[in-house]
Amino acid sequence: MTTAQRPVIKTMANLEAAFAGESMAHIKYRYFAKLAREAGDEETARTFEATADQEVSMPSATWTCSTPRPP
Protein backbone atom coordinates (compact mmCIF):
# COMPACT_ATOMS: atom_id res chain seq x y z
CA MET A 1 0.00 0.00 0.00
CA THR A 2 1.49 3.33 -0.99
CA THR A 3 1.29 6.47 1.06
CA ALA A 4 -1.33 7.86 -1.34
CA GLN A 5 -3.54 4.79 -0.79
CA ARG A 6 -3.22 4.68 2.98
CA PRO A 7 -6.33 5.88 4.85
CA VAL A 8 -6.01 8.99 6.93
CA ILE A 9 -5.28 8.12 10.52
CA LYS A 10 -7.38 10.19 12.90
CA THR A 11 -5.99 8.90 16.17
CA MET A 12 -5.22 12.32 17.66
CA ALA A 13 -8.57 13.74 16.57
CA ASN A 14 -10.36 10.73 18.06
CA LEU A 15 -8.39 10.99 21.31
CA GLU A 16 -9.12 14.70 21.58
CA ALA A 17 -12.84 14.12 20.95
CA ALA A 18 -12.97 11.34 23.54
CA PHE A 19 -11.12 13.48 26.09
CA ALA A 20 -13.47 16.41 25.47
CA GLY A 21 -16.49 14.16 25.99
CA GLU A 22 -15.09 12.71 29.20
CA SER A 23 -14.10 16.15 30.42
CA MET A 24 -17.68 17.33 30.05
CA ALA A 25 -19.17 14.26 31.76
CA HIS A 26 -18.37 15.45 35.28
CA ILE A 27 -20.01 18.82 34.56
CA LYS A 28 -23.21 17.08 33.46
CA TYR A 29 -23.23 14.92 36.60
CA ARG A 30 -22.80 18.02 38.78
CA TYR A 31 -25.72 19.64 36.97
CA PHE A 32 -27.91 16.57 37.50
CA ALA A 33 -26.92 16.61 41.19
CA LYS A 34 -28.06 20.21 41.43
CA LEU A 35 -31.40 19.36 39.83
CA ALA A 36 -31.90 16.37 42.12
CA ARG A 37 -31.12 18.49 45.18
CA GLU A 38 -33.54 21.20 44.04
CA ALA A 39 -36.19 18.48 43.67
CA GLY A 40 -35.49 17.41 47.26
CA ASP A 41 -33.73 14.14 46.41
CA GLU A 42 -30.52 14.40 48.43
CA GLU A 43 -29.55 10.74 47.97
CA THR A 44 -29.63 10.99 44.17
CA ALA A 45 -27.73 14.28 44.32
CA ARG A 46 -24.96 12.63 46.36
CA THR A 47 -24.84 9.73 43.91
CA PHE A 48 -24.39 12.10 40.97
CA GLU A 49 -21.68 13.99 42.87
CA ALA A 50 -19.83 10.77 43.66
CA THR A 51 -20.01 9.79 40.00
CA ALA A 52 -18.70 13.22 38.98
CA ASP A 53 -15.78 12.79 41.39
CA GLN A 54 -14.95 9.44 39.79
CA GLU A 55 -15.03 10.96 36.31
CA VAL A 56 -12.48 13.56 37.35
CA SER A 57 -10.14 11.08 39.04
CA MET A 58 -10.47 8.30 36.46
CA PRO A 59 -8.17 9.60 33.66
CA SER A 60 -5.12 9.85 35.90
CA ALA A 61 -5.77 6.41 37.38
CA THR A 62 -6.20 4.91 33.92
CA TRP A 63 -3.09 6.65 32.63
CA THR A 64 -1.04 5.39 35.55
CA CYS A 65 -2.20 1.81 34.99
CA SER A 66 -1.63 1.86 31.24
CA THR A 67 1.80 3.50 31.34
CA PRO A 68 4.57 0.89 31.11
CA ARG A 69 6.78 0.76 34.14
CA PRO A 70 10.52 1.07 33.66
CA PRO A 71 12.52 -2.14 34.17
C-alpha atoms as a PDB file:
ATOM      1  CA  MET A   1       0.000   0.000   0.000  1.00  0.00           C
ATOM      2  CA  THR A   2       1.491   3.332  -0.992  1.00  0.00           C
ATOM      3  CA  THR A   3       1.288   6.474   1.064  1.00  0.00           C
ATOM      4  CA  ALA A   4      -1.327   7.860  -1.336  1.00  0.00           C
ATOM      5  CA  GLN A   5      -3.545   4.789  -0.793  1.00  0.00           C
ATOM      6  CA  ARG A   6      -3.222   4.683   2.979  1.00  0.00           C
ATOM      7  CA  PRO A   7      -6.328   5.877   4.850  1.00  0.00           C
ATOM      8  CA  VAL A   8      -6.013   8.993   6.928  1.00  0.00           C
ATOM      9  CA  ILE A   9      -5.285   8.123  10.525  1.00  0.00           C
ATOM     10  CA  LYS A  10      -7.378  10.186  12.901  1.00  0.00           C
ATOM     11  CA  THR A  11      -5.989   8.899  16.171  1.00  0.00           C
ATOM     12  CA  MET A  12      -5.217  12.317  17.657  1.00  0.00           C
ATOM     13  CA  ALA A  13      -8.567  13.742  16.572  1.00  0.00           C
ATOM     14  CA  ASN A  14     -10.356  10.726  18.059  1.00  0.00           C
ATOM     15  CA  LEU A  15      -8.390  10.990  21.310  1.00  0.00           C
ATOM     16  CA  GLU A  16      -9.122  14.704  21.579  1.00  0.00           C
ATOM     17  CA  ALA A  17     -12.837  14.123  20.950  1.00  0.00           C
ATOM     18  CA  ALA A  18     -12.965  11.342  23.542  1.00  0.00           C
ATOM     19  CA  PHE A  19     -11.124  13.475  26.089  1.00  0.00           C
ATOM     20  CA  ALA A  20     -13.473  16.406  25.473  1.00  0.00           C
ATOM     21  CA  GLY A  21     -16.487  14.161  25.987  1.00  0.00           C
ATOM     22  CA  GLU A  22     -15.095  12.713  29.196  1.00  0.00           C
ATOM     23  CA  SER A  23     -14.098  16.151  30.424  1.00  0.00           C
ATOM     24  CA  MET A  24     -17.676  17.330  30.051  1.00  0.00           C
ATOM     25  CA  ALA A  25     -19.173  14.261  31.762  1.00  0.00           C
ATOM     26  CA  HIS A  26     -18.369  15.450  35.279  1.00  0.00           C
ATOM     27  CA  ILE A  27     -20.006  18.816  34.562  1.00  0.00           C
ATOM     28  CA  LYS A  28     -23.212  17.076  33.464  1.00  0.00           C
ATOM     29  CA  TYR A  29     -23.225  14.915  36.602  1.00  0.00           C
ATOM     30  CA  ARG A  30     -22.801  18.019  38.783  1.00  0.00           C
ATOM     31  CA  TYR A  31     -25.724  19.644  36.971  1.00  0.00           C
ATOM     32  CA  PHE A  32     -27.908  16.572  37.503  1.00  0.00           C
ATOM     33  CA  ALA A  33     -26.920  16.605  41.185  1.00  0.00           C
ATOM     34  CA  LYS A  34     -28.059  20.210  41.432  1.00  0.00           C
ATOM     35  CA  LEU A  35     -31.404  19.362  39.826  1.00  0.00           C
ATOM     36  CA  ALA A  36     -31.901  16.372  42.117  1.00  0.00           C
ATOM     37  CA  ARG A  37     -31.116  18.489  45.178  1.00  0.00           C
ATOM     38  CA  GLU A  38     -33.539  21.203  44.041  1.00  0.00           C
ATOM     39  CA  ALA A  39     -36.194  18.480  43.672  1.00  0.00           C
ATOM     40  CA  GLY A  40     -35.486  17.411  47.260  1.00  0.00           C
ATOM     41  CA  ASP A  41     -33.731  14.144  46.408  1.00  0.00           C
ATOM     42  CA  GLU A  42     -30.524  14.403  48.429  1.00  0.00           C
ATOM     43  CA  GLU A  43     -29.549  10.738  47.972  1.00  0.00           C
ATOM     44  CA  THR A  44     -29.633  10.987  44.172  1.00  0.00           C
ATOM     45  CA  ALA A  45     -27.734  14.281  44.325  1.00  0.00           C
ATOM     46  CA  ARG A  46     -24.962  12.633  46.358  1.00  0.00           C
ATOM     47  CA  THR A  47     -24.841   9.732  43.908  1.00  0.00           C
ATOM     48  CA  PHE A  48     -24.393  12.101  40.972  1.00  0.00           C
ATOM     49  CA  GLU A  49     -21.676  13.994  42.870  1.00  0.00           C
ATOM     50  CA  ALA A  50     -19.829  10.773  43.663  1.00  0.00           C
ATOM     51  CA  THR A  51     -20.015   9.793  40.002  1.00  0.00           C
ATOM     52  CA  ALA A  52     -18.697  13.219  38.977  1.00  0.00           C
ATOM     53  CA  ASP A  53     -15.776  12.792  41.390  1.00  0.00           C
ATOM     54  CA  GLN A  54     -14.948   9.437  39.794  1.00  0.00           C
ATOM     55  CA  GLU A  55     -15.028  10.958  36.307  1.00  0.00           C
ATOM     56  CA  VAL A  56     -12.479  13.560  37.354  1.00  0.00           C
ATOM     57  CA  SER A  57     -10.141  11.081  39.044  1.00  0.00           C
ATOM     58  CA  MET A  58     -10.474   8.304  36.455  1.00  0.00           C
ATOM     59  CA  PRO A  59      -8.169   9.598  33.665  1.00  0.00           C
ATOM     60  CA  SER A  60      -5.118   9.853  35.903  1.00  0.00           C
ATOM     61  CA  ALA A  61      -5.772   6.408  37.379  1.00  0.00           C
ATOM     62  CA  THR A  62      -6.197   4.911  33.917  1.00  0.00           C
ATOM     63  CA  TRP A  63      -3.090   6.655  32.635  1.00  0.00           C
ATOM     64  CA  THR A  64      -1.037   5.386  35.553  1.00  0.00           C
ATOM     65  CA  CYS A  65      -2.201   1.807  34.989  1.00  0.00           C
ATOM     66  CA  SER A  66      -1.630   1.859  31.236  1.00  0.00           C
ATOM     67  CA  THR A  67       1.796   3.497  31.341  1.00  0.00           C
ATOM     68  CA  PRO A  68       4.567   0.890  31.105  1.00  0.00           C
ATOM     69  CA  ARG A  69       6.782   0.759  34.143  1.00  0.00           C
ATOM     70  CA  PRO A  70      10.524   1.072  33.656  1.00  0.00           C
ATOM     71  CA  PRO A  71      12.520  -2.142  34.174  1.00  0.00           C
END
